C-alpha atoms as a PDB file:
ATOM      1  CA  MET A   1      15.585 -24.917  -2.103  1.00  0.00           C
ATOM      2  CA  ILE A   2      15.877 -21.883   0.164  1.00  0.00           C
ATOM      3  CA  ASP A   3      15.554 -19.584  -2.855  1.00  0.00           C
ATOM      4  CA  GLU A   4      12.294 -21.203  -3.891  1.00  0.00           C
ATOM      5  CA  PHE A   5      11.010 -21.041  -0.323  1.00  0.00           C
ATOM      6  CA  ALA A   6      11.910 -17.337  -0.107  1.00  0.00           C
ATOM      7  CA  LYS A   7      10.311 -16.594  -3.467  1.00  0.00           C
ATOM      8  CA  ASP A   8       7.130 -18.499  -2.631  1.00  0.00           C
ATOM      9  CA  THR A   9       6.874 -16.822   0.776  1.00  0.00           C
ATOM     10  CA  LEU A  10       7.314 -13.303  -0.589  1.00  0.00           C
ATOM     11  CA  HIS A  11       5.015 -13.971  -3.533  1.00  0.00           C
ATOM     12  CA  GLY A  12       2.314 -15.470  -1.333  1.00  0.00           C
ATOM     13  CA  ARG A  13       2.339 -12.452   0.971  1.00  0.00           C
ATOM     14  CA  LEU A  14       2.236 -10.108  -2.011  1.00  0.00           C
ATOM     15  CA  ARG A  15      -0.791 -11.915  -3.424  1.00  0.00           C
ATOM     16  CA  ARG A  16      -2.555 -11.749  -0.056  1.00  0.00           C
ATOM     17  CA  ASP A  17      -2.000  -8.033   0.404  1.00  0.00           C
ATOM     18  CA  ARG A  18      -2.975  -7.193  -3.179  1.00  0.00           C
ATOM     19  CA  GLU A  19      -6.398  -8.699  -2.510  1.00  0.00           C
ATOM     20  CA  ALA A  20      -6.627  -6.935   0.853  1.00  0.00           C
ATOM     21  CA  LEU A  21      -5.995  -3.566  -0.775  1.00  0.00           C
ATOM     22  CA  LEU A  22      -8.683  -4.105  -3.399  1.00  0.00           C
ATOM     23  CA  TRP A  23     -11.123  -5.263  -0.731  1.00  0.00           C
ATOM     24  CA  LYS A  24     -10.877  -1.862   0.931  1.00  0.00           C
ATOM     25  CA  LEU A  25     -12.951  -0.506  -1.975  1.00  0.00           C
ATOM     26  CA  ASP A  26     -15.746  -3.019  -1.418  1.00  0.00           C
ATOM     27  CA  GLY A  27     -19.169  -1.429  -1.062  1.00  0.00           C
ATOM     28  CA  LEU A  28     -17.998   2.182  -1.292  1.00  0.00           C
ATOM     29  CA  SER A  29     -19.718   4.864  -3.332  1.00  0.00           C
ATOM     30  CA  GLU A  30     -17.783   6.440  -6.185  1.00  0.00           C
ATOM     31  CA  TYR A  31     -17.331   9.552  -4.099  1.00  0.00           C
ATOM     32  CA  ASP A  32     -16.028   7.792  -1.010  1.00  0.00           C
ATOM     33  CA  ALA A  33     -13.667   5.634  -3.081  1.00  0.00           C
ATOM     34  CA  ARG A  34     -12.119   8.732  -4.650  1.00  0.00           C
ATOM     35  CA  ARG A  35     -12.381  11.624  -2.230  1.00  0.00           C
ATOM     36  CA  PRO A  36      -9.338  12.937  -0.348  1.00  0.00           C
ATOM     37  CA  LEU A  37      -9.376  11.687   3.222  1.00  0.00           C
ATOM     38  CA  THR A  38      -6.238  13.357   4.588  1.00  0.00           C
ATOM     39  CA  ALA A  39      -4.744  16.822   4.403  1.00  0.00           C
ATOM     40  CA  THR A  40      -2.340  15.575   1.721  1.00  0.00           C
ATOM     41  CA  GLY A  41      -5.120  14.142  -0.436  1.00  0.00           C
ATOM     42  CA  THR A  42      -4.667  10.424   0.244  1.00  0.00           C
ATOM     43  CA  ASN A  43      -7.618   8.483  -1.142  1.00  0.00           C
ATOM     44  CA  LEU A  44      -8.517   4.813  -1.501  1.00  0.00           C
ATOM     45  CA  LEU A  45      -8.794   4.442  -5.267  1.00  0.00           C
ATOM     46  CA  GLY A  46      -5.615   6.469  -5.650  1.00  0.00           C
ATOM     47  CA  LEU A  47      -3.767   4.025  -3.406  1.00  0.00           C
ATOM     48  CA  VAL A  48      -4.815   1.168  -5.686  1.00  0.00           C
ATOM     49  CA  LYS A  49      -3.753   3.107  -8.782  1.00  0.00           C
ATOM     50  CA  HIS A  50      -0.402   3.966  -7.220  1.00  0.00           C
ATOM     51  CA  VAL A  51       0.429   0.410  -6.109  1.00  0.00           C
ATOM     52  CA  ALA A  52      -0.592  -0.904  -9.534  1.00  0.00           C
ATOM     53  CA  THR A  53       1.807   1.546 -11.148  1.00  0.00           C
ATOM     54  CA  VAL A  54       4.592   0.548  -8.770  1.00  0.00           C
ATOM     55  CA  GLU A  55       4.160  -3.138  -9.660  1.00  0.00           C
ATOM     56  CA  ALA A  56       3.951  -2.404 -13.369  1.00  0.00           C
ATOM     57  CA  ARG A  57       7.252  -0.532 -13.312  1.00  0.00           C
ATOM     58  CA  TYR A  58       9.238  -2.720 -10.932  1.00  0.00           C
ATOM     59  CA  PHE A  59       8.291  -6.075 -12.421  1.00  0.00           C
ATOM     60  CA  GLY A  60       8.346  -4.633 -15.929  1.00  0.00           C
ATOM     61  CA  GLU A  61      11.028  -2.324 -17.249  1.00  0.00           C
ATOM     62  CA  VAL A  62      13.391  -3.022 -14.328  1.00  0.00           C
ATOM     63  CA  PHE A  63      13.887  -6.523 -15.782  1.00  0.00           C
ATOM     64  CA  GLY A  64      13.577  -5.663 -19.463  1.00  0.00           C
ATOM     65  CA  ARG A  65       9.997  -6.944 -19.522  1.00  0.00           C
ATOM     66  CA  PRO A  66       7.973  -3.766 -20.178  1.00  0.00           C
ATOM     67  CA  SER A  67       4.409  -3.783 -18.917  1.00  0.00           C
ATOM     68  CA  PRO A  68       1.767  -4.187 -21.639  1.00  0.00           C
ATOM     69  CA  GLU A  69      -0.182  -1.466 -19.828  1.00  0.00           C
ATOM     70  CA  PRO A  70       0.317   2.116 -21.054  1.00  0.00           C
ATOM     71  CA  LEU A  71       2.554   3.961 -18.587  1.00  0.00           C
ATOM     72  CA  SER A  72       3.972   7.450 -18.690  1.00  0.00           C
ATOM     73  CA  ARG A  73       7.746   7.743 -18.600  1.00  0.00           C
ATOM     74  CA  TRP A  74       9.054   7.550 -15.070  1.00  0.00           C
ATOM     75  CA  GLN A  75      10.923  10.808 -15.756  1.00  0.00           C
ATOM     76  CA  ASP A  76       7.543  12.512 -16.234  1.00  0.00           C
ATOM     77  CA  HIS A  77       6.103  11.470 -12.872  1.00  0.00           C
ATOM     78  CA  ASP A  78       3.716  14.188 -11.684  1.00  0.00           C
ATOM     79  CA  GLY A  79       1.738  12.498  -8.917  1.00  0.00           C
ATOM     80  CA  SER A  80      -1.199  11.629 -11.172  1.00  0.00           C
ATOM     81  CA  ASP A  81      -0.896   7.976 -10.128  1.00  0.00           C
ATOM     82  CA  LEU A  82      -2.096   8.962  -6.649  1.00  0.00           C
ATOM     83  CA  TRP A  83      -5.669   9.874  -7.553  1.00  0.00           C
ATOM     84  CA  ALA A  84      -8.400   9.023 -10.043  1.00  0.00           C
ATOM     85  CA  ALA A  85      -9.367  11.541 -12.699  1.00  0.00           C
ATOM     86  CA  GLU A  86     -13.052  12.064 -13.571  1.00  0.00           C
ATOM     87  CA  ASP A  87     -12.845   9.858 -16.659  1.00  0.00           C
ATOM     88  CA  GLU A  88     -11.032   6.985 -14.909  1.00  0.00           C
ATOM     89  CA  THR A  89     -13.606   4.465 -13.766  1.00  0.00           C
ATOM     90  CA  ARG A  90     -13.110   2.238 -10.773  1.00  0.00           C
ATOM     91  CA  ASP A  91     -13.257  -0.805 -13.064  1.00  0.00           C
ATOM     92  CA  ARG A  92     -10.543   0.669 -15.249  1.00  0.00           C
ATOM     93  CA  ILE A  93      -8.177   1.156 -12.312  1.00  0.00           C
ATOM     94  CA  THR A  94      -8.888  -2.159 -10.591  1.00  0.00           C
ATOM     95  CA  GLY A  95      -8.662  -3.915 -13.951  1.00  0.00           C
ATOM     96  CA  PHE A  96      -5.271  -2.291 -14.519  1.00  0.00           C
ATOM     97  CA  TYR A  97      -4.157  -3.585 -11.129  1.00  0.00           C
ATOM     98  CA  ARG A  98      -5.332  -7.144 -11.803  1.00  0.00           C
ATOM     99  CA  ARG A  99      -3.721  -7.249 -15.252  1.00  0.00           C
ATOM    100  CA  THR A 100      -0.525  -5.939 -13.685  1.00  0.00           C
ATOM    101  CA  TRP A 101      -0.608  -8.871 -11.265  1.00  0.00           C
ATOM    102  CA  ASP A 102      -0.569 -11.256 -14.224  1.00  0.00           C
ATOM    103  CA  HIS A 103       2.447  -9.571 -15.781  1.00  0.00           C
ATOM    104  CA  ALA A 104       4.282  -9.305 -12.450  1.00  0.00           C
ATOM    105  CA  ASP A 105       3.520 -12.926 -11.590  1.00  0.00           C
ATOM    106  CA  ALA A 106       4.954 -14.027 -14.939  1.00  0.00           C
ATOM    107  CA  THR A 107       8.154 -12.068 -14.246  1.00  0.00           C
ATOM    108  CA  ILE A 108       8.442 -13.600 -10.781  1.00  0.00           C
ATOM    109  CA  ALA A 109       7.815 -17.115 -12.139  1.00  0.00           C
ATOM    110  CA  VAL A 110      10.346 -16.978 -14.954  1.00  0.00           C
ATOM    111  CA  LEU A 111      13.264 -15.306 -13.163  1.00  0.00           C
ATOM    112  CA  PRO A 112      15.473 -16.597 -10.343  1.00  0.00           C
ATOM    113  CA  LEU A 113      15.790 -14.491  -7.200  1.00  0.00           C
ATOM    114  CA  ASP A 114      19.281 -13.355  -8.200  1.00  0.00           C
ATOM    115  CA  ALA A 115      18.191 -12.238 -11.686  1.00  0.00           C
ATOM    116  CA  PRO A 116      19.751  -8.799 -12.278  1.00  0.00           C
ATOM    117  CA  GLY A 117      17.595  -5.718 -12.680  1.00  0.00           C
ATOM    118  CA  HIS A 118      18.200  -2.023 -13.212  1.00  0.00           C
ATOM    119  CA  VAL A 119      16.106   0.688 -11.508  1.00  0.00           C
ATOM    120  CA  PRO A 120      16.983   3.931 -13.323  1.00  0.00           C
ATOM    121  CA  TRP A 121      15.069   6.085 -10.815  1.00  0.00           C
ATOM    122  CA  TRP A 122      17.128   4.779  -7.874  1.00  0.00           C
ATOM    123  CA  PRO A 123      20.310   6.753  -7.109  1.00  0.00           C
ATOM    124  CA  GLU A 124      23.705   5.223  -7.727  1.00  0.00           C
ATOM    125  CA  PRO A 125      25.124   2.855  -6.622  1.00  0.00           C
ATOM    126  CA  HIS A 126      21.742   1.309  -5.757  1.00  0.00           C
ATOM    127  CA  SER A 127      20.257   1.195  -9.247  1.00  0.00           C
ATOM    128  CA  GLU A 128      21.726  -2.246  -9.947  1.00  0.00           C
ATOM    129  CA  THR A 129      19.577  -4.765  -8.086  1.00  0.00           C
ATOM    130  CA  ASN A 130      17.962  -8.187  -8.383  1.00  0.00           C
ATOM    131  CA  LEU A 131      14.566  -9.857  -8.217  1.00  0.00           C
ATOM    132  CA  PHE A 132      14.810 -10.620  -4.505  1.00  0.00           C
ATOM    133  CA  ALA A 133      15.399  -6.962  -3.600  1.00  0.00           C
ATOM    134  CA  VAL A 134      12.585  -5.823  -5.882  1.00  0.00           C
ATOM    135  CA  MET A 135      10.137  -8.346  -4.423  1.00  0.00           C
ATOM    136  CA  VAL A 136      10.962  -7.127  -0.913  1.00  0.00           C
ATOM    137  CA  TYR A 137      10.587  -3.508  -2.013  1.00  0.00           C
ATOM    138  CA  VAL A 138       7.239  -3.986  -3.788  1.00  0.00           C
ATOM    139  CA  LEU A 139       5.881  -6.049  -0.919  1.00  0.00           C
ATOM    140  CA  GLY A 140       6.889  -3.259   1.459  1.00  0.00           C
ATOM    141  CA  GLU A 141       5.100  -0.677  -0.683  1.00  0.00           C
ATOM    142  CA  THR A 142       1.986  -2.842  -0.879  1.00  0.00           C
ATOM    143  CA  VAL A 143       1.883  -3.519   2.862  1.00  0.00           C
ATOM    144  CA  ARG A 144       2.465   0.159   3.660  1.00  0.00           C
ATOM    145  CA  HIS A 145      -0.331   1.400   1.433  1.00  0.00           C
ATOM    146  CA  THR A 146      -2.712  -1.361   2.462  1.00  0.00           C
ATOM    147  CA  GLY A 147      -2.176  -0.135   6.018  1.00  0.00           C
ATOM    148  CA  HIS A 148      -3.074   3.363   4.872  1.00  0.00           C
ATOM    149  CA  ALA A 149      -6.213   1.937   3.275  1.00  0.00           C
ATOM    150  CA  ASP A 150      -7.110   0.129   6.519  1.00  0.00           C
ATOM    151  CA  ILE A 151      -7.154   3.390   8.442  1.00  0.00           C
ATOM    152  CA  LEU A 152      -8.951   5.353   5.734  1.00  0.00           C
ATOM    153  CA  ARG A 153     -11.684   2.743   5.432  1.00  0.00           C
ATOM    154  CA  GLU A 154     -12.158   2.561   9.195  1.00  0.00           C
ATOM    155  CA  GLY A 155     -12.576   6.315   9.231  1.00  0.00           C
ATOM    156  CA  LEU A 156     -15.263   6.145   6.541  1.00  0.00           C
ATOM    157  CA  ASP A 157     -17.583   3.481   7.910  1.00  0.00           C
ATOM    158  CA  GLY A 158     -15.796   1.586  10.667  1.00  0.00           C
ATOM    159  CA  ARG A 159     -15.026  -1.511   8.591  1.00  0.00           C
ATOM    160  CA  THR A 160     -11.725  -3.174   9.411  1.00  0.00           C
ATOM    161  CA  GLY A 161      -9.896  -6.412   8.726  1.00  0.00           C
ATOM    162  CA  LEU A 162      -7.385  -8.076   6.440  1.00  0.00           C
ATOM    163  CA  ARG A 163      -9.654 -10.429   4.506  1.00  0.00           C
ATOM    164  CA  PRO A 164     -13.413 -10.573   4.007  1.00  0.00           C
ATOM    165  CA  GLU A 165     -13.705 -14.055   5.497  1.00  0.00           C
ATOM    166  CA  HIS A 166     -12.311 -12.726   8.779  1.00  0.00           C
ATOM    167  CA  GLU A 167     -14.506  -9.626   8.980  1.00  0.00           C
ATOM    168  CA  LYS A 168     -16.721  -9.455  12.071  1.00  0.00           C
ATOM    169  CA  PRO A 169     -19.873  -7.397  12.638  1.00  0.00           C
ATOM    170  CA  ILE A 170     -19.113  -4.024  14.172  1.00  0.00           C
ATOM    171  CA  ASP A 171     -19.901  -3.892  17.886  1.00  0.00           C
ATOM    172  CA  GLU A 172     -20.190  -0.155  18.453  1.00  0.00           C
ATOM    173  CA  GLU A 173     -20.587  -0.491  22.213  1.00  0.00           C
ATOM    174  CA  ALA A 174     -17.486  -2.666  22.598  1.00  0.00           C
ATOM    175  CA  ARG A 175     -15.463  -0.363  20.365  1.00  0.00           C
ATOM    176  CA  ALA A 176     -16.507   2.700  22.332  1.00  0.00           C
ATOM    177  CA  ALA A 177     -15.567   1.037  25.626  1.00  0.00           C
ATOM    178  CA  TYR A 178     -12.173  -0.043  24.286  1.00  0.00           C
ATOM    179  CA  ARG A 179     -11.457   3.409  22.901  1.00  0.00           C
ATOM    180  CA  ALA A 180     -12.497   5.023  26.186  1.00  0.00           C
ATOM    181  CA  LYS A 181     -10.090   2.750  28.089  1.00  0.00           C
ATOM    182  CA  ILE A 182      -7.191   3.860  25.891  1.00  0.00           C
ATOM    183  CA  GLU A 183      -8.252   7.506  26.230  1.00  0.00           C
ATOM    184  CA  ARG A 184      -8.298   7.225  30.023  1.00  0.00           C
ATOM    185  CA  ALA A 185      -4.810   5.704  30.059  1.00  0.00           C
ATOM    186  CA  ALA A 186      -3.481   8.459  27.799  1.00  0.00           C
ATOM    187  CA  ALA A 187      -5.080  11.199  29.895  1.00  0.00           C
ATOM    188  CA  ALA A 188      -3.761   9.715  33.136  1.00  0.00           C
ATOM    189  CA  SER A 189      -0.260   9.450  31.718  1.00  0.00           C
ATOM    190  CA  ALA A 190      -0.354  13.040  30.535  1.00  0.00           C
ATOM    191  CA  ALA A 191      -1.620  14.241  33.918  1.00  0.00           C
ATOM    192  CA  SER A 192       1.198  12.522  35.814  1.00  0.00           C
ATOM    193  CA  ALA A 193       3.984  13.543  33.456  1.00  0.00           C
ATOM    194  CA  PRO A 194       6.206  16.508  34.461  1.00  0.00           C
ATOM    195  CA  SER A 195       5.349  19.658  32.581  1.00  0.00           C
ATOM    196  CA  VAL A 196       7.844  20.657  29.915  1.00  0.00           C
ATOM    197  CA  ILE A 197       8.114  24.242  28.729  1.00  0.00           C
ATOM    198  CA  SER A 198       8.417  24.406  24.968  1.00  0.00           C
ATOM    199  CA  GLY A 199      12.013  24.754  23.923  1.00  0.00           C
ATOM    200  CA  SER A 200      13.472  23.822  27.320  1.00  0.00           C
ATOM    201  CA  ARG A 201      15.539  20.777  28.217  1.00  0.00           C
ATOM    202  CA  PRO A 202      15.264  18.813  31.470  1.00  0.00           C
ATOM    203  CA  GLY A 203      17.882  19.977  33.955  1.00  0.00           C
ATOM    204  CA  PHE A 204      18.415  23.369  32.322  1.00  0.00           C
END
């Protein structure tokens, strides 16, 4: 019973955060969905493509159930799963993600939590694993990148939230006041802190 509870809990959270990640693309122009928003090139559609690829690999070949989606060999990874090429439409990438959910969900449904899996890109002795560990890992990846998407989307147009039904209208005045309060606290803390010369240690 505890195994089924654990599986259902992990799977339910994974389903929730999949939808949250896709929602971060809602209403964006093609340019804003694709353009690099950090110094390292992180972009919203690329996050979706990357997480889709992660799910396809971990719930596919790791358990001898290869994804029906075309994937490059993991040995040939070159970072191309982190951004959308000119000829890759948004529908193509989001469709890939949704179809990957179906395949992953089938793997999760048919296997017990202790079903053995092999992750050839993990170093020994960690390459031998099971469904429970993979579910935790993929959920962690999804949550992490959905958090990235939260921040990127807020930076684009101020929209925030986990699910569309919980989204509230943006109150610019309230946000500005809240941000100013945090700024004042940070500035006051910095002003009262002892000065530290770069490279020195207290007491020396």
